[in-house]
Amino acid sequence: MKKIAIQGEKGSFHDIAAHQYFEGEQVELICCSTFEQVFEHIKREPTAVGVVAIENTIAGSLLHNYELLRESGAVVVGEYKLHIKHSVCCLPDEDWADISEVHSHPVALAQCRNFLSEHPDIKAVEAEDTAGSAAYIAKYKKYGWAAICSSYAAKLYGMKVLQEDIHDNKHNYTRFLVVCNPHGVARFSCEGKRNKASLVFSLPHEEGSLSKVLTILSFYDINLTKIQSLPIVGHEWEYLFYVDVTFSNMERFRQGIDAITPLVKNIKILGEYESC
């Protein structure tokens, strides 16, 4: 039985990603109200795993989660990309004519602007969670309320799906990281399949410092797939660079890391894992 900490309720997209990533395995969800609680839990319990959203193809990066990942000391052991599909649901005995409000997470509401504009009489209300909105409506029998969530969450809470695929952009994907306590990394060790890594480092204030690093990575056949900069609090105009790279040869990757280490500051490998 794998204990997996997620942010959100059962039926959330974190729930779906966790079950799909660990398909065929027994899973016990630990539902947390914040991402901070997810990282705190896996820090306390070495056997627990966290599934954490890190970026979305529409909304962009979840910047705070980069900081939480680095500060927690957790290790990335996998990733999963989930196709995000939103549905609108209500209590089983209601229909469109009964709905006056629709509740969901602000990001989900933003991703369904066209749908909301087509229903100007329905008030959009921000909530903490997509699945949590459906759970609340079902539990407290909130007549006249609807929720925007996954169809999986709607069915889980006995809700009626009024319409599926209401999101504006059909190419809506969220990338999740699978993270664990450093003491639990051995359970995921799969040397032959690891072809991706997440790094973080800072750079000296020198002309071309980032360009030099990227040139060296290219020389060692390391492909940069993402770079995200975040300011270092308390150090004006200094930044941490969070970088994702892919590679086909582990030895070349490690040689490349050794080569850039003298050119950067505070480099840390956040995880080596198999690319999704």
C-alpha atoms as a PDB file:
ATOM      1  CA  MET A   1       0.000   0.000   0.000  1.00  0.00           C
ATOM      2  CA  LYS A   2       1.519   3.299  -1.110  1.00  0.00           C
ATOM      3  CA  LYS A   3       0.709   6.340   1.027  1.00  0.00           C
ATOM      4  CA  ILE A   4       0.472   9.338  -1.273  1.00  0.00           C
ATOM      5  CA  ALA A   5       0.086  12.902  -0.053  1.00  0.00           C
ATOM      6  CA  ILE A   6      -1.753  15.273  -2.386  1.00  0.00           C
ATOM      7  CA  GLN A   7      -3.116  18.787  -2.215  1.00  0.00           C
ATOM      8  CA  GLY A   8      -6.888  18.718  -2.482  1.00  0.00           C
ATOM      9  CA  GLU A   9      -9.779  16.342  -2.004  1.00  0.00           C
ATOM     10  CA  LYS A  10     -10.445  12.887  -3.375  1.00  0.00           C
ATOM     11  CA  GLY A  11     -11.518  13.331  -6.971  1.00  0.00           C
ATOM     12  CA  SER A  12      -9.106  16.207  -7.568  1.00  0.00           C
ATOM     13  CA  PHE A  13      -6.696  16.220 -10.493  1.00  0.00           C
ATOM     14  CA  HIS A  14      -3.915  15.402  -8.017  1.00  0.00           C
ATOM     15  CA  ASP A  15      -5.912  12.293  -7.067  1.00  0.00           C
ATOM     16  CA  ILE A  16      -6.311  11.303 -10.723  1.00  0.00           C
ATOM     17  CA  ALA A  17      -2.606  11.861 -11.453  1.00  0.00           C
ATOM     18  CA  ALA A  18      -1.563   9.811  -8.409  1.00  0.00           C
ATOM     19  CA  HIS A  19      -3.753   6.845  -9.339  1.00  0.00           C
ATOM     20  CA  GLN A  20      -2.704   6.924 -12.992  1.00  0.00           C
ATOM     21  CA  TYR A  21       1.001   7.174 -12.170  1.00  0.00           C
ATOM     22  CA  PHE A  22       0.755   4.282  -9.706  1.00  0.00           C
ATOM     23  CA  GLU A  23      -1.720   2.346 -11.838  1.00  0.00           C
ATOM     24  CA  GLY A  24      -2.137  -1.233 -10.683  1.00  0.00           C
ATOM     25  CA  GLU A  25      -0.812  -0.509  -7.182  1.00  0.00           C
ATOM     26  CA  GLN A  26      -2.745  -0.115  -3.950  1.00  0.00           C
ATOM     27  CA  VAL A  27      -2.903   3.544  -3.009  1.00  0.00           C
ATOM     28  CA  GLU A  28      -3.892   5.276   0.215  1.00  0.00           C
ATOM     29  CA  LEU A  29      -4.450   9.014  -0.302  1.00  0.00           C
ATOM     30  CA  ILE A  30      -3.456  11.559   2.324  1.00  0.00           C
ATOM     31  CA  CYS A  31      -5.464  14.668   1.405  1.00  0.00           C
ATOM     32  CA  CYS A  32      -3.824  17.950   2.451  1.00  0.00           C
ATOM     33  CA  SER A  33      -5.297  21.431   2.262  1.00  0.00           C
ATOM     34  CA  THR A  34      -1.992  23.060   1.221  1.00  0.00           C
ATOM     35  CA  PHE A  35       1.182  22.131  -0.630  1.00  0.00           C
ATOM     36  CA  GLU A  36       3.129  23.016   2.523  1.00  0.00           C
ATOM     37  CA  GLN A  37       1.325  20.199   4.323  1.00  0.00           C
ATOM     38  CA  VAL A  38       2.222  17.765   1.528  1.00  0.00           C
ATOM     39  CA  PHE A  39       5.946  18.437   1.934  1.00  0.00           C
ATOM     40  CA  GLU A  40       5.679  18.423   5.734  1.00  0.00           C
ATOM     41  CA  HIS A  41       4.041  15.000   5.613  1.00  0.00           C
ATOM     42  CA  ILE A  42       6.645  13.327   3.426  1.00  0.00           C
ATOM     43  CA  LYS A  43       9.354  14.894   5.586  1.00  0.00           C
ATOM     44  CA  ARG A  44       7.849  13.296   8.710  1.00  0.00           C
ATOM     45  CA  GLU A  45       7.060   9.942   7.131  1.00  0.00           C
ATOM     46  CA  PRO A  46       9.872   8.462   5.010  1.00  0.00           C
ATOM     47  CA  THR A  47       7.565   5.897   3.385  1.00  0.00           C
ATOM     48  CA  ALA A  48       5.096   8.495   2.082  1.00  0.00           C
ATOM     49  CA  VAL A  49       5.186   9.885  -1.456  1.00  0.00           C
ATOM     50  CA  GLY A  50       3.982  13.286  -2.645  1.00  0.00           C
ATOM     51  CA  VAL A  51       2.364  14.115  -5.975  1.00  0.00           C
ATOM     52  CA  VAL A  52       2.673  17.846  -6.615  1.00  0.00           C
ATOM     53  CA  ALA A  53       1.645  19.990  -9.588  1.00  0.00           C
ATOM     54  CA  ILE A  54       4.573  22.019 -10.915  1.00  0.00           C
ATOM     55  CA  GLU A  55       3.372  23.545 -14.195  1.00  0.00           C
ATOM     56  CA  ASN A  56       0.385  23.868 -16.498  1.00  0.00           C
ATOM     57  CA  THR A  57       0.435  24.481 -20.239  1.00  0.00           C
ATOM     58  CA  ILE A  58      -1.986  27.420 -19.829  1.00  0.00           C
ATOM     59  CA  ALA A  59      -1.481  28.820 -16.333  1.00  0.00           C
ATOM     60  CA  GLY A  60       2.313  28.360 -16.358  1.00  0.00           C
ATOM     61  CA  SER A  61       4.571  27.355 -13.470  1.00  0.00           C
ATOM     62  CA  LEU A  62       3.510  27.002  -9.848  1.00  0.00           C
ATOM     63  CA  LEU A  63       6.371  29.128  -8.581  1.00  0.00           C
ATOM     64  CA  HIS A  64       5.800  28.547  -4.872  1.00  0.00           C
ATOM     65  CA  ASN A  65       6.113  24.788  -5.349  1.00  0.00           C
ATOM     66  CA  TYR A  66       9.643  25.217  -6.709  1.00  0.00           C
ATOM     67  CA  GLU A  67      10.601  26.937  -3.456  1.00  0.00           C
ATOM     68  CA  LEU A  68       8.862  24.303  -1.341  1.00  0.00           C
ATOM     69  CA  LEU A  69      10.656  21.531  -3.239  1.00  0.00           C
ATOM     70  CA  ARG A  70      14.088  23.087  -2.729  1.00  0.00           C
ATOM     71  CA  GLU A  71      13.552  24.038   0.924  1.00  0.00           C
ATOM     72  CA  SER A  72      12.009  20.707   1.915  1.00  0.00           C
ATOM     73  CA  GLY A  73      14.950  18.574   0.841  1.00  0.00           C
ATOM     74  CA  ALA A  74      12.534  16.235  -0.954  1.00  0.00           C
ATOM     75  CA  VAL A  75      13.782  14.350  -4.022  1.00  0.00           C
ATOM     76  CA  VAL A  76      12.024  14.133  -7.391  1.00  0.00           C
ATOM     77  CA  VAL A  77      11.648  10.463  -8.391  1.00  0.00           C
ATOM     78  CA  GLY A  78       9.151  10.767 -11.248  1.00  0.00           C
ATOM     79  CA  GLU A  79       6.813  12.949 -13.248  1.00  0.00           C
ATOM     80  CA  TYR A  80       3.373  12.623 -14.823  1.00  0.00           C
ATOM     81  CA  LYS A  81       1.533  14.740 -17.382  1.00  0.00           C
ATOM     82  CA  LEU A  82      -2.248  14.748 -17.050  1.00  0.00           C
ATOM     83  CA  HIS A  83      -4.746  15.995 -19.629  1.00  0.00           C
ATOM     84  CA  ILE A  84      -6.999  18.383 -17.689  1.00  0.00           C
ATOM     85  CA  LYS A  85     -10.675  18.138 -18.621  1.00  0.00           C
ATOM     86  CA  HIS A  86     -13.306  20.222 -16.826  1.00  0.00           C
ATOM     87  CA  SER A  87     -16.986  19.362 -16.452  1.00  0.00           C
ATOM     88  CA  VAL A  88     -19.853  21.194 -14.793  1.00  0.00           C
ATOM     89  CA  CYS A  89     -21.996  19.200 -12.365  1.00  0.00           C
ATOM     90  CA  CYS A  90     -24.878  19.695  -9.951  1.00  0.00           C
ATOM     91  CA  LEU A  91     -27.122  17.756  -7.572  1.00  0.00           C
ATOM     92  CA  PRO A  92     -28.816  14.748  -9.238  1.00  0.00           C
ATOM     93  CA  ASP A  93     -32.349  16.175  -9.275  1.00  0.00           C
ATOM     94  CA  GLU A  94     -31.420  19.579 -10.702  1.00  0.00           C
ATOM     95  CA  ASP A  95     -30.862  20.879 -14.227  1.00  0.00           C
ATOM     96  CA  TRP A  96     -29.636  23.992 -16.041  1.00  0.00           C
ATOM     97  CA  ALA A  97     -32.714  26.038 -15.137  1.00  0.00           C
ATOM     98  CA  ASP A  98     -32.008  25.523 -11.422  1.00  0.00           C
ATOM     99  CA  ILE A  99     -28.403  26.717 -11.404  1.00  0.00           C
ATOM    100  CA  SER A 100     -27.588  30.230 -10.166  1.00  0.00           C
ATOM    101  CA  GLU A 101     -23.960  29.774  -9.043  1.00  0.00           C
ATOM    102  CA  VAL A 102     -20.962  27.746 -10.170  1.00  0.00           C
ATOM    103  CA  HIS A 103     -18.082  27.100  -7.741  1.00  0.00           C
ATOM    104  CA  SER A 104     -14.506  26.056  -8.451  1.00  0.00           C
ATOM    105  CA  HIS A 105     -10.819  26.851  -8.035  1.00  0.00           C
ATOM    106  CA  PRO A 106      -9.861  30.224  -9.606  1.00  0.00           C
ATOM    107  CA  VAL A 107      -7.575  28.550 -12.166  1.00  0.00           C
ATOM    108  CA  ALA A 108     -10.359  26.210 -13.278  1.00  0.00           C
ATOM    109  CA  LEU A 109     -12.770  29.139 -13.610  1.00  0.00           C
ATOM    110  CA  ALA A 110     -10.184  31.022 -15.672  1.00  0.00           C
ATOM    111  CA  GLN A 111      -9.770  28.009 -17.954  1.00  0.00           C
ATOM    112  CA  CYS A 112     -13.534  27.943 -18.629  1.00  0.00           C
ATOM    113  CA  ARG A 113     -14.112  31.623 -19.490  1.00  0.00           C
ATOM    114  CA  ASN A 114     -15.938  30.896 -22.750  1.00  0.00           C
ATOM    115  CA  PHE A 115     -18.353  28.555 -20.994  1.00  0.00           C
ATOM    116  CA  LEU A 116     -19.011  31.124 -18.262  1.00  0.00           C
ATOM    117  CA  SER A 117     -19.565  33.902 -20.815  1.00  0.00           C
ATOM    118  CA  GLU A 118     -22.185  31.715 -22.497  1.00  0.00           C
ATOM    119  CA  HIS A 119     -24.041  31.513 -19.170  1.00  0.00           C
ATOM    120  CA  PRO A 120     -24.072  35.134 -17.896  1.00  0.00           C
ATOM    121  CA  ASP A 121     -26.916  34.399 -15.472  1.00  0.00           C
ATOM    122  CA  ILE A 122     -24.743  31.951 -13.532  1.00  0.00           C
ATOM    123  CA  LYS A 123     -22.468  33.602 -10.962  1.00  0.00           C
ATOM    124  CA  ALA A 124     -18.881  32.305 -10.836  1.00  0.00           C
ATOM    125  CA  VAL A 125     -17.662  31.811  -7.254  1.00  0.00           C
ATOM    126  CA  GLU A 126     -14.035  31.051  -6.342  1.00  0.00           C
ATOM    127  CA  ALA A 127     -13.335  28.093  -4.045  1.00  0.00           C
ATOM    128  CA  GLU A 128     -10.255  26.312  -2.705  1.00  0.00           C
ATOM    129  CA  ASP A 129     -10.590  23.156  -4.773  1.00  0.00           C
ATOM    130  CA  THR A 130     -12.341  21.745  -7.832  1.00  0.00           C
ATOM    131  CA  ALA A 131     -13.296  18.388  -6.331  1.00  0.00           C
ATOM    132  CA  GLY A 132     -13.831  20.067  -2.963  1.00  0.00           C
ATOM    133  CA  SER A 133     -16.554  22.217  -4.524  1.00  0.00           C
ATOM    134  CA  ALA A 134     -18.422  19.119  -5.716  1.00  0.00           C
ATOM    135  CA  ALA A 135     -17.945  17.437  -2.331  1.00  0.00           C
ATOM    136  CA  TYR A 136     -19.315  20.485  -0.493  1.00  0.00           C
ATOM    137  CA  ILE A 137     -22.385  20.808  -2.727  1.00  0.00           C
ATOM    138  CA  ALA A 138     -23.153  17.096  -2.378  1.00  0.00           C
ATOM    139  CA  LYS A 139     -22.623  17.017   1.400  1.00  0.00           C
ATOM    140  CA  TYR A 140     -24.679  20.091   2.237  1.00  0.00           C
ATOM    141  CA  LYS A 141     -27.277  19.715  -0.534  1.00  0.00           C
ATOM    142  CA  LYS A 142     -26.626  23.185  -1.926  1.00  0.00           C
ATOM    143  CA  TYR A 143     -29.505  23.529  -4.345  1.00  0.00           C
ATOM    144  CA  GLY A 144     -28.890  26.020  -7.130  1.00  0.00           C
ATOM    145  CA  TRP A 145     -25.127  25.491  -6.983  1.00  0.00           C
ATOM    146  CA  ALA A 146     -22.951  23.773  -9.563  1.00  0.00           C
ATOM    147  CA  ALA A 147     -19.257  22.854  -9.521  1.00  0.00           C
ATOM    148  CA  ILE A 148     -16.573  22.835 -12.186  1.00  0.00           C
ATOM    149  CA  CYS A 149     -14.408  19.760 -11.653  1.00  0.00           C
ATOM    150  CA  SER A 150     -13.442  16.494 -13.316  1.00  0.00           C
ATOM    151  CA  SER A 151     -16.217  14.106 -14.353  1.00  0.00           C
ATOM    152  CA  TYR A 152     -14.449  11.584 -12.094  1.00  0.00           C
ATOM    153  CA  ALA A 153     -15.053  13.851  -9.076  1.00  0.00           C
ATOM    154  CA  ALA A 154     -18.676  14.383 -10.081  1.00  0.00           C
ATOM    155  CA  LYS A 155     -19.329  10.647 -10.165  1.00  0.00           C
ATOM    156  CA  LEU A 156     -17.354  10.101  -6.953  1.00  0.00           C
ATOM    157  CA  TYR A 157     -19.667  12.454  -5.052  1.00  0.00           C
ATOM    158  CA  GLY A 158     -22.879  11.351  -6.744  1.00  0.00           C
ATOM    159  CA  MET A 159     -23.282  14.527  -8.767  1.00  0.00           C
ATOM    160  CA  LYS A 160     -25.004  14.931 -12.118  1.00  0.00           C
ATOM    161  CA  VAL A 161     -22.751  15.939 -15.021  1.00  0.00           C
ATOM    162  CA  LEU A 162     -24.476  18.683 -16.995  1.00  0.00           C
ATOM    163  CA  GLN A 163     -21.743  19.131 -19.599  1.00  0.00           C
ATOM    164  CA  GLU A 164     -18.261  17.725 -20.153  1.00  0.00           C
ATOM    165  CA  ASP A 165     -15.178  19.295 -21.747  1.00  0.00           C
ATOM    166  CA  ILE A 166     -16.160  22.888 -20.963  1.00  0.00           C
ATOM    167  CA  HIS A 167     -12.551  24.160 -20.875  1.00  0.00           C
ATOM    168  CA  ASP A 168     -11.531  26.724 -23.501  1.00  0.00           C
ATOM    169  CA  ASN A 169      -8.264  25.122 -24.580  1.00  0.00           C
ATOM    170  CA  LYS A 170      -8.371  21.405 -25.318  1.00  0.00           C
ATOM    171  CA  HIS A 171      -4.557  21.189 -25.040  1.00  0.00           C
ATOM    172  CA  ASN A 172      -4.625  21.735 -21.292  1.00  0.00           C
ATOM    173  CA  TYR A 173      -2.044  19.605 -19.476  1.00  0.00           C
ATOM    174  CA  THR A 174      -0.598  19.748 -15.985  1.00  0.00           C
ATOM    175  CA  ARG A 175       2.790  18.288 -15.136  1.00  0.00           C
ATOM    176  CA  PHE A 176       3.077  16.687 -11.722  1.00  0.00           C
ATOM    177  CA  LEU A 177       6.238  15.746  -9.850  1.00  0.00           C
ATOM    178  CA  VAL A 178       6.442  12.602  -7.753  1.00  0.00           C
ATOM    179  CA  VAL A 179       8.564  13.434  -4.711  1.00  0.00           C
ATOM    180  CA  CYS A 180       9.689  11.554  -1.631  1.00  0.00           C
ATOM    181  CA  ASN A 181      11.861  11.725   1.455  1.00  0.00           C
ATOM    182  CA  PRO A 182      15.576  11.232   0.603  1.00  0.00           C
ATOM    183  CA  HIS A 183      15.526   8.054   2.712  1.00  0.00           C
ATOM    184  CA  GLY A 184      12.902   6.562   0.397  1.00  0.00           C
ATOM    185  CA  VAL A 185      14.621   7.179  -2.941  1.00  0.00           C
ATOM    186  CA  ALA A 186      16.014   3.632  -3.120  1.00  0.00           C
ATOM    187  CA  ARG A 187      12.468   2.292  -3.572  1.00  0.00           C
ATOM    188  CA  PHE A 188      12.297   4.164  -6.870  1.00  0.00           C
ATOM    189  CA  SER A 189      15.843   3.552  -8.037  1.00  0.00           C
ATOM    190  CA  CYS A 190      15.794   2.574 -11.679  1.00  0.00           C
ATOM    191  CA  GLU A 191      19.233   3.442 -13.032  1.00  0.00           C
ATOM    192  CA  GLY A 192      18.634   2.234 -16.558  1.00  0.00           C
ATOM    193  CA  LYS A 193      15.499   4.315 -17.104  1.00  0.00           C
ATOM    194  CA  ARG A 194      16.583   7.651 -15.637  1.00  0.00           C
ATOM    195  CA  ASN A 195      16.931  10.156 -18.469  1.00  0.00           C
ATOM    196  CA  LYS A 196      15.786  13.433 -16.917  1.00  0.00           C
ATOM    197  CA  ALA A 197      16.951  15.615 -14.038  1.00  0.00           C
ATOM    198  CA  SER A 198      15.845  18.751 -12.199  1.00  0.00           C
ATOM    199  CA  LEU A 199      18.531  21.139 -10.966  1.00  0.00           C
ATOM    200  CA  VAL A 200      18.696  24.444  -9.138  1.00  0.00           C
ATOM    201  CA  PHE A 201      21.599  26.879  -8.970  1.00  0.00           C
ATOM    202  CA  SER A 202      22.456  30.567  -8.852  1.00  0.00           C
ATOM    203  CA  LEU A 203      24.918  32.456 -11.037  1.00  0.00           C
ATOM    204  CA  PRO A 204      27.588  35.081 -10.408  1.00  0.00           C
ATOM    205  CA  HIS A 205      27.031  38.599 -11.767  1.00  0.00           C
ATOM    206  CA  GLU A 206      29.270  38.091 -14.770  1.00  0.00           C
ATOM    207  CA  GLU A 207      28.612  38.730 -18.415  1.00  0.00           C
ATOM    208  CA  GLY A 208      27.531  35.592 -20.249  1.00  0.00           C
ATOM    209  CA  SER A 209      27.424  33.400 -17.123  1.00  0.00           C
ATOM    210  CA  LEU A 210      24.194  31.643 -18.122  1.00  0.00           C
ATOM    211  CA  SER A 211      25.314  31.303 -21.733  1.00  0.00           C
ATOM    212  CA  LYS A 212      28.483  29.524 -20.624  1.00  0.00           C
ATOM    213  CA  VAL A 213      26.510  27.014 -18.582  1.00  0.00           C
ATOM    214  CA  LEU A 214      24.120  26.261 -21.448  1.00  0.00           C
ATOM    215  CA  THR A 215      27.009  25.847 -23.887  1.00  0.00           C
ATOM    216  CA  ILE A 216      28.654  23.262 -21.634  1.00  0.00           C
ATOM    217  CA  LEU A 217      25.391  21.343 -21.185  1.00  0.00           C
ATOM    218  CA  SER A 218      24.990  21.265 -24.962  1.00  0.00           C
ATOM    219  CA  PHE A 219      28.551  19.972 -25.376  1.00  0.00           C
ATOM    220  CA  TYR A 220      27.720  17.017 -23.114  1.00  0.00           C
ATOM    221  CA  ASP A 221      24.547  16.229 -25.126  1.00  0.00           C
ATOM    222  CA  ILE A 222      22.291  17.452 -22.318  1.00  0.00           C
ATOM    223  CA  ASN A 223      19.042  18.962 -23.577  1.00  0.00           C
ATOM    224  CA  LEU A 224      17.493  21.876 -21.675  1.00  0.00           C
ATOM    225  CA  THR A 225      13.702  21.366 -21.523  1.00  0.00           C
ATOM    226  CA  LYS A 226      12.768  24.092 -19.029  1.00  0.00           C
ATOM    227  CA  ILE A 227      14.332  27.005 -17.183  1.00  0.00           C
ATOM    228  CA  GLN A 228      12.557  28.998 -14.489  1.00  0.00           C
ATOM    229  CA  SER A 229      14.117  31.882 -12.571  1.00  0.00           C
ATOM    230  CA  LEU A 230      12.991  33.012  -9.122  1.00  0.00           C
ATOM    231  CA  PRO A 231      14.353  35.942  -7.104  1.00  0.00           C
ATOM    232  CA  ILE A 232      16.424  35.167  -4.020  1.00  0.00           C
ATOM    233  CA  VAL A 233      14.627  36.875  -1.150  1.00  0.00           C
ATOM    234  CA  GLY A 234      16.894  39.358   0.603  1.00  0.00           C
ATOM    235  CA  HIS A 235      19.353  39.536  -2.311  1.00  0.00           C
ATOM    236  CA  GLU A 236      18.265  42.209  -4.759  1.00  0.00           C
ATOM    237  CA  TRP A 237      18.514  41.240  -8.434  1.00  0.00           C
ATOM    238  CA  GLU A 238      19.884  37.795  -7.666  1.00  0.00           C
ATOM    239  CA  TYR A 239      18.060  34.726  -8.903  1.00  0.00           C
ATOM    240  CA  LEU A 240      17.822  30.984  -8.532  1.00  0.00           C
ATOM    241  CA  PHE A 241      17.538  29.065 -11.791  1.00  0.00           C
ATOM    242  CA  TYR A 242      15.434  25.919 -11.752  1.00  0.00           C
ATOM    243  CA  VAL A 243      16.371  23.802 -14.754  1.00  0.00           C
ATOM    244  CA  ASP A 244      15.009  20.581 -16.245  1.00  0.00           C
ATOM    245  CA  VAL A 245      17.272  18.635 -18.586  1.00  0.00           C
ATOM    246  CA  THR A 246      17.075  15.355 -20.478  1.00  0.00           C
ATOM    247  CA  PHE A 247      19.946  13.089 -21.493  1.00  0.00           C
ATOM    248  CA  SER A 248      20.588   9.665 -22.996  1.00  0.00           C
ATOM    249  CA  ASN A 249      23.802   8.831 -21.169  1.00  0.00           C
ATOM    250  CA  MET A 250      24.034   9.056 -17.376  1.00  0.00           C
ATOM    251  CA  GLU A 251      27.846   9.225 -17.391  1.00  0.00           C
ATOM    252  CA  ARG A 252      27.816  12.170 -19.825  1.00  0.00           C
ATOM    253  CA  PHE A 253      25.170  13.884 -17.700  1.00  0.00           C
ATOM    254  CA  ARG A 254      27.286  13.611 -14.567  1.00  0.00           C
ATOM    255  CA  GLN A 255      30.357  14.822 -16.443  1.00  0.00           C
ATOM    256  CA  GLY A 256      28.344  17.818 -17.585  1.00  0.00           C
ATOM    257  CA  ILE A 257      27.257  18.601 -14.020  1.00  0.00           C
ATOM    258  CA  ASP A 258      30.875  18.384 -12.869  1.00  0.00           C
ATOM    259  CA  ALA A 259      31.861  20.768 -15.690  1.00  0.00           C
ATOM    260  CA  ILE A 260      29.341  23.496 -14.808  1.00  0.00           C
ATOM    261  CA  THR A 261      29.789  23.253 -11.024  1.00  0.00           C
ATOM    262  CA  PRO A 262      32.762  25.690 -10.908  1.00  0.00           C
ATOM    263  CA  LEU A 263      30.734  28.242 -12.922  1.00  0.00           C
ATOM    264  CA  VAL A 264      27.617  28.295 -10.722  1.00  0.00           C
ATOM    265  CA  LYS A 265      26.780  28.757  -7.050  1.00  0.00           C
ATOM    266  CA  ASN A 266      24.830  26.490  -4.706  1.00  0.00           C
ATOM    267  CA  ILE A 267      24.039  23.856  -7.331  1.00  0.00           C
ATOM    268  CA  LYS A 268      21.705  21.090  -6.201  1.00  0.00           C
ATOM    269  CA  ILE A 269      20.271  18.115  -8.069  1.00  0.00           C
ATOM    270  CA  LEU A 270      16.610  17.955  -7.054  1.00  0.00           C
ATOM    271  CA  GLY A 271      16.133  14.547  -8.644  1.00  0.00           C
ATOM    272  CA  GLU A 272      17.029  12.144 -11.438  1.00  0.00           C
ATOM    273  CA  TYR A 273      14.095  10.220 -12.901  1.00  0.00           C
ATOM    274  CA  GLU A 274      12.420   8.807 -15.979  1.00  0.00           C
ATOM    275  CA  SER A 275      10.884  11.374 -18.316  1.00  0.00           C
ATOM    276  CA  CYS A 276       7.145  11.075 -18.832  1.00  0.00           C
END
